[in-house]
PDB file of N, CA and C in Angstrom:
ATOM      1  N   MET A   1       0.863  -1.237  -0.030  1.00  0.00           N
ATOM      2  CA  MET A   1       0.033   0.038   0.018  1.00  0.00           C
ATOM      3  C   MET A   1       0.861   1.206   0.057  1.00  0.00           C
ATOM      4  N   SER A   2       1.917   1.236   0.808  1.00  0.00           N
ATOM      5  CA  SER A   2       2.771   2.458   0.912  1.00  0.00           C
ATOM      6  C   SER A   2       3.502   2.693  -0.268  1.00  0.00           C
ATOM      7  N   SER A   3       3.805   1.643  -1.045  1.00  0.00           N
ATOM      8  CA  SER A   3       4.603   1.832  -2.343  1.00  0.00           C
ATOM      9  C   SER A   3       3.779   2.401  -3.414  1.00  0.00           C
ATOM     10  N   SER A   4       2.446   2.317  -3.324  1.00  0.00           N
ATOM     11  CA  SER A   4       1.589   2.835  -4.425  1.00  0.00           C
ATOM     12  C   SER A   4       1.343   4.344  -4.249  1.00  0.00           C
ATOM     13  N   ILE A   5       1.530   4.911  -3.137  1.00  0.00           N
ATOM     14  CA  ILE A   5       1.349   6.366  -2.977  1.00  0.00           C
ATOM     15  C   ILE A   5       2.221   7.162  -3.747  1.00  0.00           C
ATOM     16  N   PRO A   6       3.602   6.901  -3.728  1.00  0.00           N
ATOM     17  CA  PRO A   6       4.517   7.657  -4.704  1.00  0.00           C
ATOM     18  C   PRO A   6       4.187   7.450  -6.157  1.00  0.00           C
ATOM     19  N   VAL A   7       3.741   6.245  -6.570  1.00  0.00           N
ATOM     20  CA  VAL A   7       3.365   6.061  -7.990  1.00  0.00           C
ATOM     21  C   VAL A   7       2.151   6.873  -8.362  1.00  0.00           C
ATOM     22  N   LEU A   8       1.133   6.814  -7.476  1.00  0.00           N
ATOM     23  CA  LEU A   8      -0.030   7.635  -7.684  1.00  0.00           C
ATOM     24  C   LEU A   8       0.156   9.112  -7.763  1.00  0.00           C
ATOM     25  N   LEU A   9       1.042   9.492  -6.818  1.00  0.00           N
ATOM     26  CA  LEU A   9       1.449  11.003  -6.798  1.00  0.00           C
ATOM     27  C   LEU A   9       2.171  11.372  -8.053  1.00  0.00           C
ATOM     28  N   THR A  10       3.094  10.589  -8.481  1.00  0.00           N
ATOM     29  CA  THR A  10       3.924  10.848  -9.701  1.00  0.00           C
ATOM     30  C   THR A  10       2.995  10.878 -10.867  1.00  0.00           C
ATOM     31  N   ALA A  11       2.047   9.905 -11.009  1.00  0.00           N
ATOM     32  CA  ALA A  11       1.090   9.856 -12.170  1.00  0.00           C
ATOM     33  C   ALA A  11       0.174  11.094 -12.084  1.00  0.00           C
ATOM     34  N   GLY A  12      -0.285  11.527 -10.925  1.00  0.00           N
ATOM     35  CA  GLY A  12      -1.080  12.681 -10.797  1.00  0.00           C
ATOM     36  C   GLY A  12      -0.320  13.932 -11.356  1.00  0.00           C
ATOM     37  N   ILE A  13       0.867  14.089 -10.798  1.00  0.00           N
ATOM     38  CA  ILE A  13       1.718  15.230 -11.313  1.00  0.00           C
ATOM     39  C   ILE A  13       1.834  15.210 -12.722  1.00  0.00           C
ATOM     40  N   ALA A  14       2.148  14.027 -13.445  1.00  0.00           N
ATOM     41  CA  ALA A  14       2.414  13.974 -14.787  1.00  0.00           C
ATOM     42  C   ALA A  14       1.059  14.258 -15.549  1.00  0.00           C
ATOM     43  N   ILE A  15      -0.035  13.782 -15.100  1.00  0.00           N
ATOM     44  CA  ILE A  15      -1.289  14.099 -15.814  1.00  0.00           C
ATOM     45  C   ILE A  15      -1.579  15.624 -15.654  1.00  0.00           C
ATOM     46  N   ALA A  16      -1.449  16.258 -14.497  1.00  0.00           N
ATOM     47  CA  ALA A  16      -1.635  17.665 -14.314  1.00  0.00           C
ATOM     48  C   ALA A  16      -0.702  18.472 -15.287  1.00  0.00           C
ATOM     49  N   SER A  17       0.534  17.994 -15.434  1.00  0.00           N
ATOM     50  CA  SER A  17       1.468  18.725 -16.193  1.00  0.00           C
ATOM     51  C   SER A  17       1.066  18.618 -17.759  1.00  0.00           C
ATOM     52  N   ALA A  18       0.528  17.466 -18.072  1.00  0.00           N
ATOM     53  CA  ALA A  18       0.163  17.337 -19.519  1.00  0.00           C
ATOM     54  C   ALA A  18      -1.129  18.172 -19.800  1.00  0.00           C
ATOM     55  N   ILE A  19      -2.034  18.298 -18.774  1.00  0.00           N
ATOM     56  CA  ILE A  19      -3.229  19.084 -19.029  1.00  0.00           C
ATOM     57  C   ILE A  19      -2.841  20.516 -19.067  1.00  0.00           C
ATOM     58  N   ILE A  20      -2.011  21.050 -18.180  1.00  0.00           N
ATOM     59  CA  ILE A  20      -1.598  22.437 -18.197  1.00  0.00           C
ATOM     60  C   ILE A  20      -0.793  22.756 -19.536  1.00  0.00           C
ATOM     61  N   GLY A  21       0.103  21.867 -19.971  1.00  0.00           N
ATOM     62  CA  GLY A  21       0.826  22.021 -21.123  1.00  0.00           C
ATOM     63  C   GLY A  21      -0.136  22.048 -22.352  1.00  0.00           C
ATOM     64  N   GLY A  22      -1.141  21.245 -22.429  1.00  0.00           N
ATOM     65  CA  GLY A  22      -2.055  21.174 -23.533  1.00  0.00           C
ATOM     66  C   GLY A  22      -2.831  22.551 -23.586  1.00  0.00           C
ATOM     67  N   LEU A  23      -3.247  23.065 -22.392  1.00  0.00           N
ATOM     68  CA  LEU A  23      -4.015  24.313 -22.399  1.00  0.00           C
ATOM     69  C   LEU A  23      -3.003  25.488 -22.779  1.00  0.00           C
ATOM     70  N   TRP A  24      -1.814  25.420 -22.409  1.00  0.00           N
ATOM     71  CA  TRP A  24      -0.845  26.562 -22.795  1.00  0.00           C
ATOM     72  C   TRP A  24      -0.646  26.519 -24.221  1.00  0.00           C
ATOM     73  N   LEU A  25      -0.393  25.190 -24.799  1.00  0.00           N
ATOM     74  CA  LEU A  25      -0.236  25.128 -26.291  1.00  0.00           C
ATOM     75  C   LEU A  25      -1.446  25.582 -27.096  1.00  0.00           C
ATOM     76  N   SER A  26      -2.575  25.328 -26.550  1.00  0.00           N
ATOM     77  CA  SER A  26      -3.813  25.729 -27.269  1.00  0.00           C
ATOM     78  C   SER A  26      -3.926  27.286 -27.295  1.00  0.00           C
ATOM     79  N   SER A  27      -3.633  28.000 -26.143  1.00  0.00           N
ATOM     80  CA  SER A  27      -3.728  29.243 -26.049  1.00  0.00           C
ATOM     81  C   SER A  27      -2.627  29.981 -26.959  1.00  0.00           C
ATOM     82  N   GLN A  28      -1.455  29.386 -27.090  1.00  0.00           N
ATOM     83  CA  GLN A  28      -0.453  29.904 -28.079  1.00  0.00           C
ATOM     84  C   GLN A  28      -0.903  29.780 -29.494  1.00  0.00           C
ATOM     85  N   ARG A  29      -1.453  28.702 -29.811  1.00  0.00           N
ATOM     86  CA  ARG A  29      -1.951  28.546 -31.133  1.00  0.00           C
ATOM     87  C   ARG A  29      -3.077  29.571 -31.455  1.00  0.00           C
ATOM     88  N   ALA A  30      -4.040  29.751 -30.598  1.00  0.00           N
ATOM     89  CA  ALA A  30      -5.103  30.731 -30.731  1.00  0.00           C
ATOM     90  C   ALA A  30      -4.559  32.189 -30.936  1.00  0.00           C
ATOM     91  N   ALA A  31      -3.523  32.483 -30.019  1.00  0.00           N
ATOM     92  CA  ALA A  31      -2.979  33.779 -30.145  1.00  0.00           C
ATOM     93  C   ALA A  31      -2.170  34.015 -31.485  1.00  0.00           C
ATOM     94  N   ARG A  32      -1.542  33.036 -31.881  1.00  0.00           N
ATOM     95  CA  ARG A  32      -0.783  33.110 -33.198  1.00  0.00           C
ATOM     96  C   ARG A  32      -1.709  33.334 -34.361  1.00  0.00           C
ATOM     97  N   SER A  33      -2.840  32.657 -34.319  1.00  0.00           N
ATOM     98  CA  SER A  33      -3.791  32.773 -35.506  1.00  0.00           C
ATOM     99  C   SER A  33      -4.643  33.984 -35.399  1.00  0.00           C
ATOM    100  N   GLY A  34      -4.590  34.756 -34.267  1.00  0.00           N
ATOM    101  CA  GLY A  34      -5.385  35.941 -34.165  1.00  0.00           C
ATOM    102  C   GLY A  34      -6.808  35.787 -33.632  1.00  0.00           C
ATOM    103  N   ARG A  35      -7.159  34.600 -33.215  1.00  0.00           N
ATOM    104  CA  ARG A  35      -8.494  34.297 -32.730  1.00  0.00           C
ATOM    105  C   ARG A  35      -8.780  35.078 -31.430  1.00  0.00           C
ATOM    106  N   VAL A  36      -7.813  35.138 -30.633  1.00  0.00           N
ATOM    107  CA  VAL A  36      -8.044  35.839 -29.363  1.00  0.00           C
ATOM    108  C   VAL A  36      -8.334  37.271 -29.597  1.00  0.00           C
ATOM    109  N   GLU A  37      -7.572  37.957 -30.487  1.00  0.00           N
ATOM    110  CA  GLU A  37      -7.824  39.326 -30.744  1.00  0.00           C
ATOM    111  C   GLU A  37      -9.182  39.671 -31.430  1.00  0.00           C
ATOM    112  N   ARG A  38      -9.589  38.679 -32.315  1.00  0.00           N
ATOM    113  CA  ARG A  38     -10.875  38.861 -32.979  1.00  0.00           C
ATOM    114  C   ARG A  38     -11.945  38.607 -31.910  1.00  0.00           C
ATOM    115  N   ARG A  39     -11.834  37.702 -31.053  1.00  0.00           N
ATOM    116  CA  ARG A  39     -12.831  37.457 -30.010  1.00  0.00           C
ATOM    117  C   ARG A  39     -12.987  38.713 -29.085  1.00  0.00           C
ATOM    118  N   MET A  40     -11.756  39.206 -28.668  1.00  0.00           N
ATOM    119  CA  MET A  40     -11.747  40.301 -27.850  1.00  0.00           C
ATOM    120  C   MET A  40     -12.450  41.552 -28.472  1.00  0.00           C
ATOM    121  N   GLN A  41     -12.180  41.690 -29.728  1.00  0.00           N
ATOM    122  CA  GLN A  41     -12.774  42.920 -30.515  1.00  0.00           C
ATOM    123  C   GLN A  41     -14.160  42.759 -30.636  1.00  0.00           C
ATOM    124  N   ALA A  42     -14.723  41.470 -30.854  1.00  0.00           N
ATOM    125  CA  ALA A  42     -16.135  41.231 -30.918  1.00  0.00           C
ATOM    126  C   ALA A  42     -16.759  41.607 -29.513  1.00  0.00           C
ATOM    127  N   VAL A  43     -16.200  41.247 -28.467  1.00  0.00           N
ATOM    128  CA  VAL A  43     -16.705  41.521 -27.123  1.00  0.00           C
ATOM    129  C   VAL A  43     -16.831  43.058 -26.941  1.00  0.00           C
ATOM    130  N   VAL A  44     -15.767  43.761 -27.328  1.00  0.00           N
ATOM    131  CA  VAL A  44     -15.748  45.169 -27.150  1.00  0.00           C
ATOM    132  C   VAL A  44     -16.746  45.877 -28.078  1.00  0.00           C
ATOM    133  N   ASP A  45     -16.875  45.359 -29.245  1.00  0.00           N
ATOM    134  CA  ASP A  45     -17.941  46.011 -30.239  1.00  0.00           C
ATOM    135  C   ASP A  45     -19.309  45.770 -29.670  1.00  0.00           C
ATOM    136  N   ALA A  46     -19.573  44.511 -29.132  1.00  0.00           N
ATOM    137  CA  ALA A  46     -20.890  44.259 -28.600  1.00  0.00           C
ATOM    138  C   ALA A  46     -21.259  45.219 -27.368  1.00  0.00           C
ATOM    139  N   PHE A  47     -20.197  45.406 -26.541  1.00  0.00           N
ATOM    140  CA  PHE A  47     -20.401  46.301 -25.350  1.00  0.00           C
ATOM    141  C   PHE A  47     -20.646  47.674 -25.913  1.00  0.00           C
ATOM    142  N   ALA A  48     -19.958  48.174 -26.860  1.00  0.00           N
ATOM    143  CA  ALA A  48     -20.109  49.569 -27.330  1.00  0.00           C
ATOM    144  C   ALA A  48     -21.582  49.702 -27.962  1.00  0.00           C
ATOM    145  N   GLU A  49     -21.959  48.766 -28.667  1.00  0.00           N
ATOM    146  CA  GLU A  49     -23.382  48.755 -29.298  1.00  0.00           C
ATOM    147  C   GLU A  49     -24.396  48.887 -28.226  1.00  0.00           C
ATOM    148  N   ARG A  50     -24.202  48.076 -27.182  1.00  0.00           N
ATOM    149  CA  ARG A  50     -25.212  48.028 -26.064  1.00  0.00           C
ATOM    150  C   ARG A  50     -25.170  49.520 -25.361  1.00  0.00           C
ATOM    151  N   GLU A  51     -23.994  50.044 -25.102  1.00  0.00           N
ATOM    152  CA  GLU A  51     -23.916  51.341 -24.474  1.00  0.00           C
ATOM    153  C   GLU A  51     -24.590  52.414 -25.380  1.00  0.00           C
ATOM    154  N   ILE A  52     -24.329  52.370 -26.668  1.00  0.00           N
ATOM    155  CA  ILE A  52     -24.914  53.328 -27.652  1.00  0.00           C
ATOM    156  C   ILE A  52     -26.431  53.250 -27.565  1.00  0.00           C
ATOM    157  N   ALA A  53     -26.953  52.035 -27.596  1.00  0.00           N
ATOM    158  CA  ALA A  53     -28.313  51.796 -27.578  1.00  0.00           C
ATOM    159  C   ALA A  53     -28.957  52.354 -26.311  1.00  0.00           C
ATOM    160  N   ARG A  54     -28.224  52.127 -25.147  1.00  0.00           N
ATOM    161  CA  ARG A  54     -28.735  52.504 -23.837  1.00  0.00           C
ATOM    162  C   ARG A  54     -28.800  54.037 -23.828  1.00  0.00           C
ATOM    163  N   GLU A  55     -27.717  54.713 -24.306  1.00  0.00           N
ATOM    164  CA  GLU A  55     -27.699  56.161 -24.325  1.00  0.00           C
ATOM    165  C   GLU A  55     -28.865  56.785 -25.263  1.00  0.00           C
ATOM    166  N   GLN A  56     -29.067  56.158 -26.365  1.00  0.00           N
ATOM    167  CA  GLN A  56     -30.118  56.557 -27.258  1.00  0.00           C
ATOM    168  C   GLN A  56     -31.455  56.469 -26.602  1.00  0.00           C
ATOM    169  N   ALA A  57     -31.724  55.377 -25.902  1.00  0.00           N
ATOM    170  CA  ALA A  57     -32.967  55.147 -25.145  1.00  0.00           C
ATOM    171  C   ALA A  57     -33.080  56.125 -24.156  1.00  0.00           C
ATOM    172  N   ARG A  58     -32.065  56.413 -23.365  1.00  0.00           N
ATOM    173  CA  ARG A  58     -32.129  57.443 -22.295  1.00  0.00           C
ATOM    174  C   ARG A  58     -32.407  58.738 -22.866  1.00  0.00           C
ATOM    175  N   ARG A  59     -31.819  59.294 -23.918  1.00  0.00           N
ATOM    176  CA  ARG A  59     -32.062  60.474 -24.441  1.00  0.00           C
ATOM    177  C   ARG A  59     -33.529  60.621 -25.043  1.00  0.00           C
ATOM    178  N   ALA A  60     -34.023  59.549 -25.640  1.00  0.00           N
ATOM    179  CA  ALA A  60     -35.363  59.552 -26.207  1.00  0.00           C
ATOM    180  C   ALA A  60     -36.333  59.688 -25.014  1.00  0.00           C
ATOM    181  N   ALA A  61     -36.119  58.857 -23.982  1.00  0.00           N
ATOM    182  CA  ALA A  61     -36.946  59.017 -22.814  1.00  0.00           C
ATOM    183  C   ALA A  61     -37.050  60.469 -22.233  1.00  0.00           C
ATOM    184  N   ARG A  62     -35.775  61.123 -22.218  1.00  0.00           N
ATOM    185  CA  ARG A  62     -35.699  62.387 -21.665  1.00  0.00           C
ATOM    186  C   ARG A  62     -36.476  63.459 -22.572  1.00  0.00           C
ATOM    187  N   ARG A  63     -36.391  63.169 -23.859  1.00  0.00           N
ATOM    188  CA  ARG A  63     -37.073  64.161 -24.835  1.00  0.00           C
ATOM    189  C   ARG A  63     -38.598  63.975 -24.619  1.00  0.00           C
ATOM    190  N   ILE A  64     -39.095  62.809 -24.523  1.00  0.00           N
ATOM    191  CA  ILE A  64     -40.517  62.473 -24.271  1.00  0.00           C
ATOM    192  C   ILE A  64     -41.007  63.074 -22.924  1.00  0.00           C
ATOM    193  N   GLN A  65     -40.177  63.020 -21.873  1.00  0.00           N
ATOM    194  CA  GLN A  65     -40.499  63.526 -20.538  1.00  0.00           C
ATOM    195  C   GLN A  65     -40.602  65.034 -20.571  1.00  0.00           C
ATOM    196  N   ARG A  66     -39.713  65.666 -21.367  1.00  0.00           N
ATOM    197  CA  ARG A  66     -39.679  67.187 -21.368  1.00  0.00           C
ATOM    198  C   ARG A  66     -40.663  67.798 -22.290  1.00  0.00           C
ATOM    199  N   SER A  67     -41.317  67.014 -23.199  1.00  0.00           N
ATOM    200  CA  SER A  67     -42.214  67.606 -24.151  1.00  0.00           C
ATOM    201  C   SER A  67     -43.444  68.019 -23.555  1.00  0.00           C
ATOM    202  N   THR A  68     -44.141  69.133 -24.121  1.00  0.00           N
ATOM    203  CA  THR A  68     -45.388  69.616 -23.562  1.00  0.00           C
ATOM    204  C   THR A  68     -46.435  69.441 -24.576  1.00  0.00           C
ATOM    205  N   PRO A  69     -47.661  69.561 -24.217  1.00  0.00           N
ATOM    206  CA  PRO A  69     -48.742  69.446 -25.239  1.00  0.00           C
ATOM    207  C   PRO A  69     -48.835  70.588 -26.246  1.00  0.00           C
ATOM    208  N   HIS A  70     -48.169  71.750 -25.939  1.00  0.00           N
ATOM    209  CA  HIS A  70     -48.014  72.847 -26.774  1.00  0.00           C
ATOM    210  C   HIS A  70     -46.807  72.836 -27.694  1.00  0.00           C
ATOM    211  N   GLY A  71     -45.926  71.954 -27.493  1.00  0.00           N
ATOM    212  CA  GLY A  71     -44.694  71.945 -28.215  1.00  0.00           C
ATOM    213  C   GLY A  71     -43.495  72.392 -27.465  1.00  0.00           C
ATOM    214  N   ARG A  72     -42.362  72.438 -28.153  1.00  0.00           N
ATOM    215  CA  ARG A  72     -41.081  72.799 -27.323  1.00  0.00           C
ATOM    216  C   ARG A  72     -41.032  74.217 -27.078  1.00  0.00           C
ATOM    217  N   ASN A  73     -41.717  75.191 -27.668  1.00  0.00           N
ATOM    218  CA  ASN A  73     -41.611  76.600 -27.491  1.00  0.00           C
ATOM    219  C   ASN A  73     -41.958  76.934 -26.016  1.00  0.00           C
ATOM    220  N   LEU A  74     -42.743  76.320 -25.389  1.00  0.00           N
ATOM    221  CA  LEU A  74     -43.306  76.738 -24.064  1.00  0.00           C
ATOM    222  C   LEU A  74     -42.487  76.144 -22.963  1.00  0.00           C
ATOM    223  N   GLN A  75     -41.372  75.363 -23.337  1.00  0.00           N
ATOM    224  CA  GLN A  75     -40.570  74.805 -22.202  1.00  0.00           C
ATOM    225  C   GLN A  75     -39.648  75.766 -21.627  1.00  0.00           C
ATOM    226  N   LEU A  76     -39.572  75.750 -20.304  1.00  0.00           N
ATOM    227  CA  LEU A  76     -38.658  76.691 -19.540  1.00  0.00           C
ATOM    228  C   LEU A  76     -37.467  75.877 -19.028  1.00  0.00           C
ATOM    229  N   ASN A  77     -36.354  76.045 -19.662  1.00  0.00           N
ATOM    230  CA  ASN A  77     -35.197  75.290 -19.170  1.00  0.00           C
ATOM    231  C   ASN A  77     -34.262  76.162 -18.291  1.00  0.00           C
TER     232      ASN A  77
END
C-alpha cells in the first residue's frame, strides 16, 4: 500500500502537467492565429453597441419626458 502512494502521486503530477501544457499550447496557437484578438474585438464591439443603444434610449426618454402638449416653445429650461 505504501509503495503505491508515490506512484499515484507521480502519475497525478504527470497528468496535471500534461493538461496544463495542452492548455498553454492551445492558447499559444489561438494567439498566433489571431483568434483571441478577434474574439476580444467582438466583445468590445458588442459592449459599445449596447452602451450606444442605452444612451439613445435614455435621451429619447428624456425628450418625451420634457415635451409639452403645446410643443417645445413653451418649455422653460
